[in-house]
N, C-alpha and C. Protein backbone atom coordinates (compact mmCIF):
# COMPACT_ATOMS: atom_id res chain seq x y z
N MET A 1 7.51 -3.76 20.57
CA MET A 1 7.32 -2.63 20.15
C MET A 1 5.67 -2.38 20.19
N ARG A 2 5.63 -1.00 20.71
CA ARG A 2 4.10 -0.49 20.79
C ARG A 2 3.84 0.23 19.50
N THR A 3 2.54 -0.03 19.01
CA THR A 3 2.23 0.42 17.42
C THR A 3 1.05 1.05 17.40
N LEU A 4 0.94 2.13 16.95
CA LEU A 4 -0.58 2.85 16.82
C LEU A 4 -0.93 2.77 15.24
N LEU A 5 -2.12 2.11 15.13
CA LEU A 5 -2.43 1.83 13.62
C LEU A 5 -3.58 2.54 13.32
N ILE A 6 -3.46 3.23 12.02
CA ILE A 6 -4.88 4.13 11.67
C ILE A 6 -5.54 3.35 10.91
N PHE A 7 -5.23 1.84 10.43
CA PHE A 7 -6.04 1.20 9.75
C PHE A 7 -6.24 -0.13 10.51
N THR A 8 -7.22 -0.98 10.02
CA THR A 8 -7.53 -2.14 10.53
C THR A 8 -6.89 -3.32 9.78
N LEU A 9 -6.17 -3.83 10.56
CA LEU A 9 -5.12 -5.03 9.99
C LEU A 9 -5.37 -6.45 10.48
N LEU A 10 -5.20 -7.45 9.88
CA LEU A 10 -4.98 -8.76 10.25
C LEU A 10 -3.64 -9.30 10.20
N LEU A 11 -3.26 -9.54 11.54
CA LEU A 11 -1.91 -9.55 12.11
C LEU A 11 -1.66 -11.23 12.24
N LEU A 12 -0.80 -11.74 11.59
CA LEU A 12 -0.32 -13.05 11.59
C LEU A 12 0.84 -13.33 12.54
N THR A 13 1.16 -14.40 13.05
CA THR A 13 2.10 -14.54 13.93
C THR A 13 3.51 -14.85 13.10
N THR A 14 3.58 -15.51 12.30
CA THR A 14 4.85 -15.82 11.54
C THR A 14 4.82 -15.10 10.11
N VAL A 15 3.91 -14.76 9.33
CA VAL A 15 4.22 -14.16 8.07
C VAL A 15 3.07 -13.37 7.89
N CYS A 16 3.20 -12.17 7.05
CA CYS A 16 2.27 -11.29 6.95
C CYS A 16 1.81 -11.37 5.40
N LYS A 17 0.90 -11.33 4.97
CA LYS A 17 0.12 -11.56 3.63
C LYS A 17 -0.02 -10.02 3.13
N ALA A 18 0.35 -9.96 1.94
CA ALA A 18 -0.08 -8.57 1.32
C ALA A 18 -1.29 -8.71 0.43
N GLN A 19 -1.58 -7.29 0.11
CA GLN A 19 -2.96 -7.50 -0.67
C GLN A 19 -2.52 -8.03 -1.91
N ASN A 20 -3.61 -8.60 -2.58
CA ASN A 20 -3.77 -9.06 -3.88
C ASN A 20 -4.87 -8.51 -4.83
N ARG A 21 -4.66 -7.66 -5.75
CA ARG A 21 -5.76 -7.10 -6.12
C ARG A 21 -5.54 -6.27 -7.32
N GLY A 22 -6.48 -6.00 -8.08
CA GLY A 22 -6.13 -4.94 -9.09
C GLY A 22 -5.12 -5.18 -10.15
N LYS A 23 -4.56 -4.04 -10.92
CA LYS A 23 -3.75 -4.35 -11.87
C LYS A 23 -2.25 -4.24 -11.11
N ILE A 24 -1.43 -5.52 -11.93
CA ILE A 24 -0.34 -5.93 -11.17
C ILE A 24 0.98 -4.42 -11.22
N GLY A 25 0.86 -3.69 -12.24
CA GLY A 25 1.68 -2.85 -12.44
C GLY A 25 3.08 -3.17 -12.87
N VAL A 26 4.29 -2.66 -12.50
CA VAL A 26 5.48 -3.02 -12.72
C VAL A 26 6.33 -3.55 -11.63
N GLY A 27 5.93 -3.15 -10.46
CA GLY A 27 6.66 -3.52 -9.35
C GLY A 27 6.41 -2.82 -8.04
N ILE A 28 7.06 -3.05 -6.97
CA ILE A 28 6.83 -2.84 -5.56
C ILE A 28 7.77 -1.68 -5.15
N LEU A 29 7.12 -0.85 -4.35
CA LEU A 29 7.80 0.45 -3.56
C LEU A 29 7.96 -0.11 -2.13
N THR A 30 9.27 -0.40 -1.71
CA THR A 30 9.39 -0.69 -0.26
C THR A 30 9.42 0.65 0.61
N ILE A 31 8.69 1.01 1.53
CA ILE A 31 9.16 2.30 2.34
C ILE A 31 9.89 1.83 3.58
N ASP A 32 11.13 2.42 3.81
CA ASP A 32 11.53 2.24 4.94
C ASP A 32 11.18 2.79 6.14
N ILE A 33 10.31 2.27 7.03
CA ILE A 33 9.61 2.85 8.11
C ILE A 33 10.62 3.38 9.01
N GLU A 34 12.06 2.91 9.62
CA GLU A 34 12.83 3.38 10.39
C GLU A 34 13.21 4.62 9.80
N ARG A 35 13.16 5.02 8.60
CA ARG A 35 13.51 6.46 8.21
C ARG A 35 12.68 7.36 8.39
N TYR A 36 11.21 6.94 8.81
CA TYR A 36 10.43 8.17 8.86
C TYR A 36 10.06 8.78 7.85
N PRO A 37 9.97 8.37 6.63
CA PRO A 37 9.98 8.97 5.31
C PRO A 37 8.57 9.91 5.22
N VAL A 38 8.72 10.96 4.34
CA VAL A 38 7.29 11.68 4.19
C VAL A 38 6.95 11.68 2.56
N LEU A 39 5.77 11.13 2.51
CA LEU A 39 5.59 10.59 1.01
C LEU A 39 4.37 11.67 0.44
N LYS A 40 5.06 12.68 -0.49
CA LYS A 40 4.16 13.54 -1.15
C LYS A 40 3.64 12.86 -2.30
N LEU A 41 2.21 12.87 -2.24
CA LEU A 41 1.92 12.51 -3.44
C LEU A 41 0.98 13.66 -4.38
N TYR A 42 1.02 13.35 -5.82
CA TYR A 42 0.66 14.63 -6.49
C TYR A 42 -0.29 13.97 -7.56
N SER A 43 -1.20 14.47 -8.12
CA SER A 43 -2.19 14.12 -9.03
C SER A 43 -1.42 14.18 -10.43
N ASP A 44 -0.65 14.97 -10.86
CA ASP A 44 -0.02 14.87 -11.99
C ASP A 44 1.56 15.26 -11.60
N THR A 45 2.27 15.28 -12.71
CA THR A 45 4.01 15.65 -12.52
C THR A 45 3.97 16.92 -12.49
N ASN A 46 3.13 17.79 -12.98
CA ASN A 46 3.28 19.18 -13.29
C ASN A 46 2.56 20.13 -12.15
N SER A 47 2.24 19.16 -11.09
CA SER A 47 1.81 20.03 -9.82
C SER A 47 2.81 20.19 -8.87
N ASN A 48 2.60 21.59 -8.30
CA ASN A 48 3.68 22.08 -7.34
C ASN A 48 3.07 21.72 -5.74
N VAL A 49 1.74 21.49 -5.80
CA VAL A 49 1.02 21.25 -4.41
C VAL A 49 0.76 20.08 -4.32
N PRO A 50 1.19 19.06 -3.50
CA PRO A 50 0.99 17.58 -3.23
C PRO A 50 -0.69 17.73 -3.03
N ASN A 51 -1.41 16.53 -3.34
CA ASN A 51 -2.72 16.39 -3.10
C ASN A 51 -2.90 15.84 -1.79
N THR A 52 -1.83 14.93 -1.44
CA THR A 52 -2.11 14.46 0.28
C THR A 52 -0.57 13.90 0.50
N THR A 53 -0.24 13.91 1.60
CA THR A 53 0.95 13.57 2.12
C THR A 53 1.07 12.41 3.10
N ILE A 54 1.66 11.61 2.85
CA ILE A 54 1.73 10.28 4.04
C ILE A 54 3.11 10.62 4.94
N PHE A 55 2.57 10.63 6.35
CA PHE A 55 3.65 10.73 7.09
C PHE A 55 4.04 9.33 8.00
N VAL A 56 5.09 9.09 8.16
CA VAL A 56 5.45 8.02 8.86
C VAL A 56 6.31 8.70 10.19
N LYS A 57 5.62 8.33 11.26
CA LYS A 57 6.32 9.39 12.43
C LYS A 57 6.64 8.56 13.89
N LYS A 58 7.39 8.87 14.43
CA LYS A 58 7.80 7.98 15.73
C LYS A 58 7.09 8.74 16.93
N VAL A 59 6.39 8.04 17.64
CA VAL A 59 5.65 8.44 19.01
C VAL A 59 6.14 7.73 19.91
N LYS A 60 6.10 8.33 21.00
CA LYS A 60 6.63 7.66 22.70
C LYS A 60 7.58 6.75 22.49
N GLN A 61 7.40 5.50 22.97
CA GLN A 61 8.74 4.59 23.25
C GLN A 61 8.58 3.64 21.90
N ASP A 62 9.36 3.98 21.11
CA ASP A 62 9.54 3.15 19.52
C ASP A 62 8.07 2.90 19.05
N GLY A 63 7.01 3.73 19.09
CA GLY A 63 5.92 3.37 18.69
C GLY A 63 5.95 4.19 17.15
N VAL A 64 5.14 3.87 16.07
CA VAL A 64 5.09 4.34 15.07
C VAL A 64 3.69 4.62 14.40
N VAL A 65 3.25 5.61 13.95
CA VAL A 65 1.87 6.11 13.46
C VAL A 65 2.07 6.41 11.87
N VAL A 66 1.18 6.01 11.36
CA VAL A 66 0.99 6.55 9.73
C VAL A 66 -0.15 7.09 9.40
N ASN A 67 -0.08 8.42 8.91
CA ASN A 67 -1.45 8.92 8.65
C ASN A 67 -1.07 9.68 7.41
N THR A 68 -2.44 10.18 6.88
CA THR A 68 -2.22 11.03 5.50
C THR A 68 -2.99 12.19 5.91
N VAL A 69 -2.47 13.51 5.32
CA VAL A 69 -2.83 14.80 5.43
C VAL A 69 -2.94 15.49 4.10
N PRO A 70 -4.13 16.03 3.68
CA PRO A 70 -5.42 15.62 4.28
C PRO A 70 -5.61 14.19 4.28
N GLN A 71 -6.76 13.83 5.14
CA GLN A 71 -7.05 12.23 4.94
C GLN A 71 -7.38 11.89 3.70
N LEU A 72 -6.75 10.64 3.56
CA LEU A 72 -6.88 9.90 2.02
C LEU A 72 -7.91 8.63 2.22
N LYS A 73 -9.14 9.00 1.91
CA LYS A 73 -10.36 7.88 1.96
C LYS A 73 -9.79 6.59 1.39
N GLY A 74 -10.06 5.37 1.96
CA GLY A 74 -9.82 4.21 1.11
C GLY A 74 -8.49 3.84 1.18
N PHE A 75 -7.37 4.42 1.75
CA PHE A 75 -6.00 3.99 1.72
C PHE A 75 -5.84 2.51 1.84
N THR A 76 -5.55 1.83 1.16
CA THR A 76 -5.49 0.52 1.23
C THR A 76 -3.77 0.20 0.36
N PRO A 77 -2.90 0.33 1.11
CA PRO A 77 -1.30 0.10 0.59
C PRO A 77 -1.13 -1.46 0.10
N GLU A 78 -0.25 -1.71 -0.54
CA GLU A 78 0.06 -3.42 -0.73
C GLU A 78 0.39 -3.85 0.50
N ALA A 79 0.89 -3.40 1.41
CA ALA A 79 0.90 -4.17 2.67
C ALA A 79 1.27 -3.06 3.74
N LEU A 80 0.91 -3.19 4.67
CA LEU A 80 1.37 -2.40 6.03
C LEU A 80 1.09 -3.11 7.34
N TRP A 81 2.44 -3.17 7.82
CA TRP A 81 2.62 -4.25 9.13
C TRP A 81 3.57 -3.32 9.93
N LEU A 82 2.94 -2.19 10.76
CA LEU A 82 4.24 -1.50 11.52
C LEU A 82 4.92 -2.44 12.50
N ASP A 83 4.18 -3.07 13.05
CA ASP A 83 4.99 -3.99 14.16
C ASP A 83 6.31 -4.62 13.64
N TYR A 84 6.21 -4.78 12.07
CA TYR A 84 7.08 -5.61 11.52
C TYR A 84 8.02 -4.64 10.80
N TYR A 85 7.61 -3.40 10.58
CA TYR A 85 8.28 -2.45 9.68
C TYR A 85 8.23 -2.80 8.10
N ILE A 86 7.15 -3.28 7.87
CA ILE A 86 6.56 -3.72 6.60
C ILE A 86 5.62 -2.56 5.98
N PHE A 87 6.07 -1.85 4.90
CA PHE A 87 4.94 -0.87 4.38
C PHE A 87 5.52 -1.10 3.00
N LEU A 88 4.44 -1.41 1.88
CA LEU A 88 4.78 -1.63 0.69
C LEU A 88 3.61 -0.91 -0.15
N LEU A 89 3.98 -0.34 -1.31
CA LEU A 89 3.09 0.49 -2.39
C LEU A 89 3.34 -0.19 -3.77
N ARG A 90 2.23 -0.53 -4.37
CA ARG A 90 2.13 -1.39 -5.73
C ARG A 90 2.62 0.02 -6.68
N VAL A 91 3.25 -0.21 -7.52
CA VAL A 91 3.85 0.86 -8.80
C VAL A 91 3.41 0.50 -9.96
N GLU A 92 2.38 1.34 -10.56
CA GLU A 92 1.77 1.26 -11.75
C GLU A 92 2.88 1.48 -12.84
N LYS A 93 3.52 2.56 -12.81
CA LYS A 93 4.46 2.88 -13.82
C LYS A 93 5.67 3.70 -13.41
N VAL A 94 6.76 3.63 -14.03
CA VAL A 94 8.05 4.48 -13.57
C VAL A 94 8.31 5.36 -14.67
N SER A 95 8.51 6.67 -14.28
CA SER A 95 9.23 7.58 -15.42
C SER A 95 10.60 8.07 -14.96
N PRO A 96 11.17 8.88 -15.55
CA PRO A 96 12.63 9.44 -15.23
C PRO A 96 12.90 9.86 -13.73
N ASN A 97 11.69 10.69 -13.62
CA ASN A 97 11.85 11.28 -12.08
C ASN A 97 10.59 10.87 -11.11
N TRP A 98 9.67 9.91 -11.55
CA TRP A 98 8.56 9.73 -10.78
C TRP A 98 8.10 8.11 -10.69
N PHE A 99 7.66 7.97 -9.59
CA PHE A 99 6.71 6.58 -9.53
C PHE A 99 5.46 6.98 -9.40
N LYS A 100 4.49 6.32 -10.07
CA LYS A 100 2.98 6.25 -10.17
C LYS A 100 2.54 5.16 -9.13
N VAL A 101 2.05 5.30 -8.05
CA VAL A 101 1.96 4.30 -7.15
C VAL A 101 0.30 4.24 -6.80
N PHE A 102 -0.26 3.03 -6.72
CA PHE A 102 -1.69 2.52 -6.11
C PHE A 102 -1.71 2.74 -4.50
N VAL A 103 -2.75 3.91 -4.55
CA VAL A 103 -3.16 3.86 -2.84
C VAL A 103 -4.35 3.25 -2.42
N SER A 104 -5.12 2.83 -3.67
CA SER A 104 -6.08 1.86 -3.37
C SER A 104 -6.16 1.26 -4.87
N ASP A 105 -7.24 0.14 -4.95
CA ASP A 105 -7.43 -0.54 -6.22
C ASP A 105 -7.45 0.21 -7.47
N HIS A 106 -8.09 1.40 -7.58
CA HIS A 106 -8.39 2.25 -8.69
C HIS A 106 -7.86 3.72 -8.44
N THR A 107 -7.22 4.04 -7.42
CA THR A 107 -6.74 5.27 -7.21
C THR A 107 -5.08 5.40 -7.36
N THR A 108 -4.44 6.32 -7.87
CA THR A 108 -3.10 6.26 -8.20
C THR A 108 -2.54 7.88 -7.89
N PHE A 109 -1.17 7.97 -7.63
CA PHE A 109 -0.72 9.07 -7.56
C PHE A 109 0.67 9.14 -7.76
N TRP A 110 1.30 10.20 -8.05
CA TRP A 110 2.70 10.21 -8.37
C TRP A 110 3.53 10.64 -7.10
N LEU A 111 4.64 10.07 -7.18
CA LEU A 111 5.64 10.28 -6.15
C LEU A 111 6.87 10.54 -6.56
N GLY A 112 7.61 11.49 -6.05
CA GLY A 112 8.91 11.77 -6.67
C GLY A 112 10.21 10.78 -6.11
N LYS A 113 10.93 10.57 -7.36
CA LYS A 113 12.01 9.26 -7.09
C LYS A 113 12.88 9.88 -5.97
N SER A 114 13.18 11.16 -5.96
CA SER A 114 14.10 11.71 -4.91
C SER A 114 13.50 11.46 -3.42
N THR A 115 12.50 10.99 -3.23
CA THR A 115 11.88 10.81 -1.95
C THR A 115 12.79 9.78 -1.10
N LYS A 116 13.20 10.46 0.23
CA LYS A 116 13.99 9.46 0.99
C LYS A 116 13.26 8.42 1.66
N GLY A 117 14.12 7.30 1.86
CA GLY A 117 13.61 5.89 2.70
C GLY A 117 12.61 5.35 1.56
N VAL A 118 12.84 5.12 0.18
CA VAL A 118 12.05 4.38 -0.63
C VAL A 118 12.95 3.31 -1.59
N ARG A 119 12.47 2.30 -1.61
CA ARG A 119 13.21 1.42 -2.61
C ARG A 119 12.38 0.71 -3.78
N PHE A 120 12.63 0.89 -5.07
CA PHE A 120 11.96 0.32 -5.85
C PHE A 120 12.38 -1.13 -6.47
N ASP A 121 11.60 -2.30 -6.80
CA ASP A 121 11.93 -3.25 -6.96
C ASP A 121 11.25 -3.60 -8.22
N THR A 122 11.30 -4.27 -9.41
CA THR A 122 10.61 -4.86 -10.30
C THR A 122 9.84 -5.95 -9.71
N TRP A 123 8.81 -6.29 -10.31
CA TRP A 123 8.12 -7.66 -9.93
C TRP A 123 9.17 -8.79 -9.91
N PRO A 124 9.72 -9.08 -10.78
CA PRO A 124 10.88 -10.40 -10.78
C PRO A 124 11.68 -10.38 -9.51
N VAL A 125 12.43 -9.09 -9.23
CA VAL A 125 13.34 -8.95 -8.35
C VAL A 125 12.84 -9.14 -7.05
N PHE A 126 11.60 -8.46 -6.96
CA PHE A 126 10.90 -8.62 -5.60
C PHE A 126 10.49 -9.91 -5.23
N LEU A 127 9.98 -10.51 -6.07
CA LEU A 127 9.23 -12.06 -5.87
C LEU A 127 10.60 -13.09 -5.68
N LYS A 128 11.75 -12.71 -6.29
CA LYS A 128 12.85 -13.73 -6.10
C LYS A 128 13.56 -13.38 -4.73
N SER A 129 13.58 -11.96 -4.40
CA SER A 129 14.85 -11.63 -3.17
C SER A 129 14.00 -11.08 -1.92
N HIS A 130 12.58 -10.73 -2.21
CA HIS A 130 12.08 -9.88 -1.05
C HIS A 130 10.80 -10.42 -0.47
N ILE A 131 10.46 -11.79 -0.64
CA ILE A 131 9.31 -12.39 -0.12
C ILE A 131 9.77 -13.81 0.53
N SER A 132 9.00 -14.47 1.42
CA SER A 132 9.30 -15.51 2.12
C SER A 132 8.51 -16.66 1.71
N ALA A 133 7.30 -16.65 1.03
CA ALA A 133 6.74 -17.61 0.46
C ALA A 133 5.55 -17.32 -0.40
N LEU A 134 5.22 -18.07 -1.44
CA LEU A 134 3.88 -18.20 -2.11
C LEU A 134 2.98 -18.92 -1.86
N PHE A 135 1.64 -18.29 -2.32
CA PHE A 135 0.67 -19.31 -1.79
C PHE A 135 -0.40 -19.16 -2.69
N LYS A 136 -1.52 -20.18 -2.70
CA LYS A 136 -2.65 -20.12 -4.00
C LYS A 136 -3.63 -18.89 -3.35
N LEU A 137 -4.03 -18.23 -4.49
CA LEU A 137 -4.97 -17.29 -4.62
C LEU A 137 -6.35 -17.82 -4.74
N ASP A 138 -7.46 -17.34 -4.22
CA ASP A 138 -8.75 -17.68 -4.43
C ASP A 138 -9.03 -17.35 -5.85
N GLY A 139 -9.84 -18.29 -6.73
CA GLY A 139 -10.16 -17.66 -7.85
C GLY A 139 -9.13 -18.03 -9.00
N TYR A 140 -7.97 -18.47 -8.54
CA TYR A 140 -6.75 -18.79 -9.47
C TYR A 140 -6.44 -20.50 -9.30
N ASP A 141 -6.63 -21.07 -10.45
CA ASP A 141 -6.64 -22.77 -10.52
C ASP A 141 -5.16 -22.90 -11.22
N LEU A 142 -4.17 -22.75 -10.59
CA LEU A 142 -3.00 -22.73 -11.59
C LEU A 142 -2.11 -24.33 -11.58
N ASP A 143 -1.70 -24.35 -12.92
CA ASP A 143 -1.13 -25.80 -13.02
C ASP A 143 0.39 -25.42 -12.70
N ILE A 144 0.87 -26.38 -12.18
CA ILE A 144 2.42 -26.46 -12.10
C ILE A 144 2.98 -27.47 -12.95
N LYS A 145 4.03 -26.71 -14.01
CA LYS A 145 4.47 -27.42 -15.04
C LYS A 145 5.67 -27.63 -14.98
N LEU A 146 6.40 -28.65 -15.58
CA LEU A 146 7.72 -29.26 -15.55
C LEU A 146 8.41 -28.53 -16.26
N ALA A 147 8.06 -27.47 -17.14
CA ALA A 147 8.92 -26.28 -17.94
C ALA A 147 7.96 -25.27 -18.10
N PRO A 148 8.33 -23.77 -18.29
CA PRO A 148 8.06 -22.67 -18.45
C PRO A 148 7.07 -22.65 -19.76
N SER A 149 6.00 -23.29 -19.70
CA SER A 149 5.27 -23.49 -20.97
C SER A 149 3.75 -23.77 -20.58
N ASP A 150 2.85 -23.51 -21.33
CA ASP A 150 1.48 -23.85 -21.07
C ASP A 150 1.30 -25.37 -21.60
N LYS A 151 2.24 -25.72 -22.63
CA LYS A 151 2.19 -27.09 -23.29
C LYS A 151 3.09 -28.13 -22.71
N ALA A 152 3.75 -27.55 -21.48
CA ALA A 152 4.65 -28.61 -20.90
C ALA A 152 3.62 -29.44 -19.89
N LYS A 153 4.29 -30.65 -19.42
CA LYS A 153 3.56 -31.67 -18.82
C LYS A 153 3.18 -31.06 -17.02
N THR A 154 1.99 -31.12 -16.74
CA THR A 154 1.47 -30.51 -15.37
C THR A 154 1.90 -31.85 -14.38
N ILE A 155 2.44 -31.23 -13.44
CA ILE A 155 2.96 -32.04 -12.44
C ILE A 155 1.78 -32.06 -11.33
N LYS A 156 0.83 -31.16 -11.10
CA LYS A 156 -0.39 -31.07 -10.24
C LYS A 156 -0.83 -29.89 -10.39
N LYS A 157 -1.86 -29.42 -9.65
CA LYS A 157 -2.47 -28.23 -9.38
C LYS A 157 -2.07 -27.57 -8.27
N MET A 158 -2.13 -26.09 -8.14
CA MET A 158 -1.65 -25.75 -6.81
C MET A 158 -2.67 -25.59 -5.89
N GLU A 159 -2.18 -26.32 -4.57
CA GLU A 159 -3.08 -26.50 -3.73
C GLU A 159 -3.23 -25.27 -2.73
N GLU A 160 -4.57 -25.29 -1.99
CA GLU A 160 -4.63 -24.20 -0.77
C GLU A 160 -3.27 -24.65 0.24
N LYS A 161 -3.16 -26.04 0.38
CA LYS A 161 -2.30 -26.33 1.31
C LYS A 161 -0.84 -26.07 1.20
N ASP A 162 -0.35 -25.51 -0.26
CA ASP A 162 0.75 -25.44 -0.57
C ASP A 162 1.59 -24.23 -0.26
N CYS A 163 2.52 -24.27 -0.10
CA CYS A 163 3.50 -23.05 0.25
C CYS A 163 4.82 -23.10 -0.26
N PHE A 164 5.20 -22.26 -1.18
CA PHE A 164 6.48 -22.40 -2.06
C PHE A 164 7.48 -21.31 -1.92
N GLU A 165 8.66 -21.68 -2.20
CA GLU A 165 9.66 -20.54 -2.39
C GLU A 165 10.07 -20.34 -3.65
N VAL A 166 10.25 -19.16 -4.16
CA VAL A 166 10.71 -18.96 -5.64
C VAL A 166 12.36 -19.16 -5.80
N LEU A 167 12.61 -19.93 -7.00
CA LEU A 167 13.81 -20.10 -7.49
C LEU A 167 14.47 -19.46 -8.40
N GLU A 168 13.57 -18.99 -9.32
CA GLU A 168 13.81 -18.03 -10.28
C GLU A 168 12.64 -17.42 -11.18
N VAL A 169 12.66 -16.48 -11.82
CA VAL A 169 11.73 -15.87 -12.71
C VAL A 169 12.34 -15.51 -13.90
N ARG A 170 11.41 -16.14 -14.81
CA ARG A 170 11.61 -16.09 -16.45
C ARG A 170 10.43 -15.52 -17.00
N GLY A 171 10.43 -14.04 -17.17
CA GLY A 171 9.01 -13.54 -17.97
C GLY A 171 7.84 -13.78 -16.97
N ASP A 172 6.76 -14.44 -17.68
CA ASP A 172 5.58 -14.64 -16.63
C ASP A 172 5.70 -15.73 -16.05
N TRP A 173 6.89 -16.50 -16.22
CA TRP A 173 6.83 -17.87 -15.37
C TRP A 173 7.81 -17.62 -14.00
N MET A 174 7.69 -18.57 -13.32
CA MET A 174 8.43 -18.60 -12.09
C MET A 174 8.78 -19.97 -11.90
N ARG A 175 10.02 -20.34 -11.37
CA ARG A 175 10.35 -22.13 -10.84
C ARG A 175 10.12 -21.85 -9.45
N ILE A 176 9.54 -22.97 -8.96
CA ILE A 176 9.30 -22.99 -7.58
C ILE A 176 9.57 -24.25 -7.30
N ARG A 177 9.81 -24.49 -5.72
CA ARG A 177 9.60 -25.62 -4.83
C ARG A 177 9.04 -25.32 -3.52
N THR A 178 8.64 -26.63 -3.12
CA THR A 178 7.80 -26.49 -1.68
C THR A 178 8.73 -25.85 -0.82
N ASN A 179 8.27 -25.03 0.08
CA ASN A 179 9.10 -24.30 1.04
C ASN A 179 9.19 -25.10 2.40
N THR A 180 10.44 -25.71 2.55
CA THR A 180 10.55 -26.68 3.81
C THR A 180 11.28 -25.53 4.85
N GLY A 181 11.66 -24.43 4.59
CA GLY A 181 12.41 -23.55 5.61
C GLY A 181 11.30 -22.90 6.55
N LEU A 182 10.30 -22.49 6.17
CA LEU A 182 9.20 -22.25 6.96
C LEU A 182 8.14 -22.89 7.52
N GLU A 183 8.20 -24.35 6.97
CA GLU A 183 7.30 -25.19 7.50
C GLU A 183 5.83 -24.85 7.30
N CYS A 184 5.69 -24.22 6.12
CA CYS A 184 4.34 -23.57 6.01
C CYS A 184 3.53 -24.41 5.12
N SER A 185 3.98 -25.35 4.45
CA SER A 185 3.32 -26.40 3.57
C SER A 185 2.63 -27.53 4.21
N GLU A 186 1.55 -27.69 4.00
CA GLU A 186 0.63 -28.92 4.44
C GLU A 186 0.51 -29.99 3.52
N THR A 187 1.06 -29.67 2.12
CA THR A 187 0.38 -30.70 0.87
C THR A 187 1.03 -31.90 1.34
N GLU A 188 0.21 -32.96 0.76
CA GLU A 188 0.92 -34.39 0.66
C GLU A 188 1.45 -34.67 -0.59
N ARG A 189 1.67 -33.71 -1.37
CA ARG A 189 2.49 -33.79 -2.63
C ARG A 189 3.30 -32.52 -2.83
N PRO A 190 4.28 -32.58 -2.12
CA PRO A 190 5.53 -31.52 -2.26
C PRO A 190 6.10 -31.48 -3.55
N VAL A 191 6.64 -30.38 -4.17
CA VAL A 191 7.19 -30.28 -5.34
C VAL A 191 8.72 -29.95 -5.18
N ARG A 192 9.48 -30.64 -5.91
CA ARG A 192 10.89 -30.19 -5.88
C ARG A 192 11.21 -29.16 -6.95
N SER A 193 10.74 -28.96 -7.85
CA SER A 193 10.98 -28.21 -8.93
C SER A 193 9.55 -28.04 -10.00
N GLY A 194 9.04 -27.03 -10.02
CA GLY A 194 8.04 -26.81 -11.09
C GLY A 194 7.86 -25.36 -11.47
N TRP A 195 7.26 -25.24 -12.46
CA TRP A 195 6.88 -23.79 -13.26
C TRP A 195 5.37 -23.39 -13.11
N ILE A 196 5.17 -22.11 -12.64
CA ILE A 196 3.69 -21.64 -12.57
C ILE A 196 3.95 -20.10 -13.59
N ARG A 197 2.89 -19.86 -13.83
CA ARG A 197 2.50 -18.62 -14.80
C ARG A 197 1.91 -17.56 -13.45
N TRP A 198 3.05 -16.84 -12.91
CA TRP A 198 2.54 -15.84 -12.10
C TRP A 198 1.92 -14.67 -12.16
N ARG A 199 1.97 -14.29 -13.54
CA ARG A 199 1.16 -13.06 -14.13
C ARG A 199 0.69 -13.42 -15.27
N LYS A 200 -0.68 -12.88 -15.54
CA LYS A 200 -1.40 -13.03 -16.69
C LYS A 200 -2.24 -11.80 -17.00
N ALA A 201 -2.42 -11.29 -18.14
CA ALA A 201 -3.43 -10.29 -18.40
C ALA A 201 -3.27 -9.17 -17.38
N ASP A 202 -2.18 -8.84 -16.79
CA ASP A 202 -1.81 -7.65 -16.12
C ASP A 202 -2.36 -7.90 -14.60
N ARG A 203 -2.41 -9.07 -14.28
CA ARG A 203 -2.82 -9.76 -13.03
C ARG A 203 -1.98 -10.58 -12.26
N LEU A 204 -1.89 -10.38 -10.94
CA LEU A 204 -0.92 -11.16 -10.29
C LEU A 204 -1.66 -12.44 -9.73
N GLN A 205 -1.28 -13.62 -10.21
CA GLN A 205 -2.07 -14.85 -10.00
C GLN A 205 -1.43 -15.70 -8.68
N VAL A 206 -0.71 -15.26 -8.11
CA VAL A 206 -0.25 -15.81 -6.61
C VAL A 206 -0.15 -15.04 -5.72
N GLY A 207 -0.36 -15.38 -4.37
CA GLY A 207 -0.08 -14.46 -3.13
C GLY A 207 1.22 -14.87 -2.64
N TYR A 208 1.64 -13.90 -2.02
CA TYR A 208 2.84 -13.79 -1.27
C TYR A 208 3.06 -13.17 0.08
N THR A 209 3.75 -13.85 0.86
CA THR A 209 4.08 -13.09 2.42
C THR A 209 5.65 -12.85 2.46
N GLN A 210 5.64 -12.22 3.54
CA GLN A 210 6.97 -11.63 3.97
C GLN A 210 6.99 -12.07 5.51
N THR A 211 8.26 -12.40 5.90
CA THR A 211 8.51 -12.79 7.25
C THR A 211 8.21 -11.93 8.16
N CYS A 212 7.61 -12.02 9.29
CA CYS A 212 7.26 -10.94 10.56
C CYS A 212 8.20 -11.30 11.64
């Protein structure tokens, strides 16, 4: 598939890493690129005219282009991999009729829930059901525990060579094991079952990937 990209992206051959920054919010909005949605973004829920609109359009031979009108400077979605039909926005909050979405580290807009081609998942559902692997984030030195408690025995520290799959999510904790399906782990100390604190102080403490 030939894709026109408006943004400079780092492409990986097997997995696509998402952005990991800023406040974690409440979940992830998955944009169905194949439905070519139109995302109208408003500064507040009382506005009648959108501040900007994100268009996902088909061009030529199965190509896709994403652009914003008017141009949205600094637009950095959670993930954008058009070759693999991946387009994610982080959601700060949800109201009865609206999603408040991040379009950059510190900029948010409101998007109507009636928008076609979008799916919302809370973080626990998204991390359990819609990612392919977890990995260590720079700046976070996480302990892998035997139980979901800071007081539980530590199995080991999460390593840069580690690659995990999620078995379950319980509050701020998740149970993980070394991911053997993707063969992405290079650690010499694989984990059969352990717990990590994936969220703390409104920050995501782990990185995640989706299969491309």
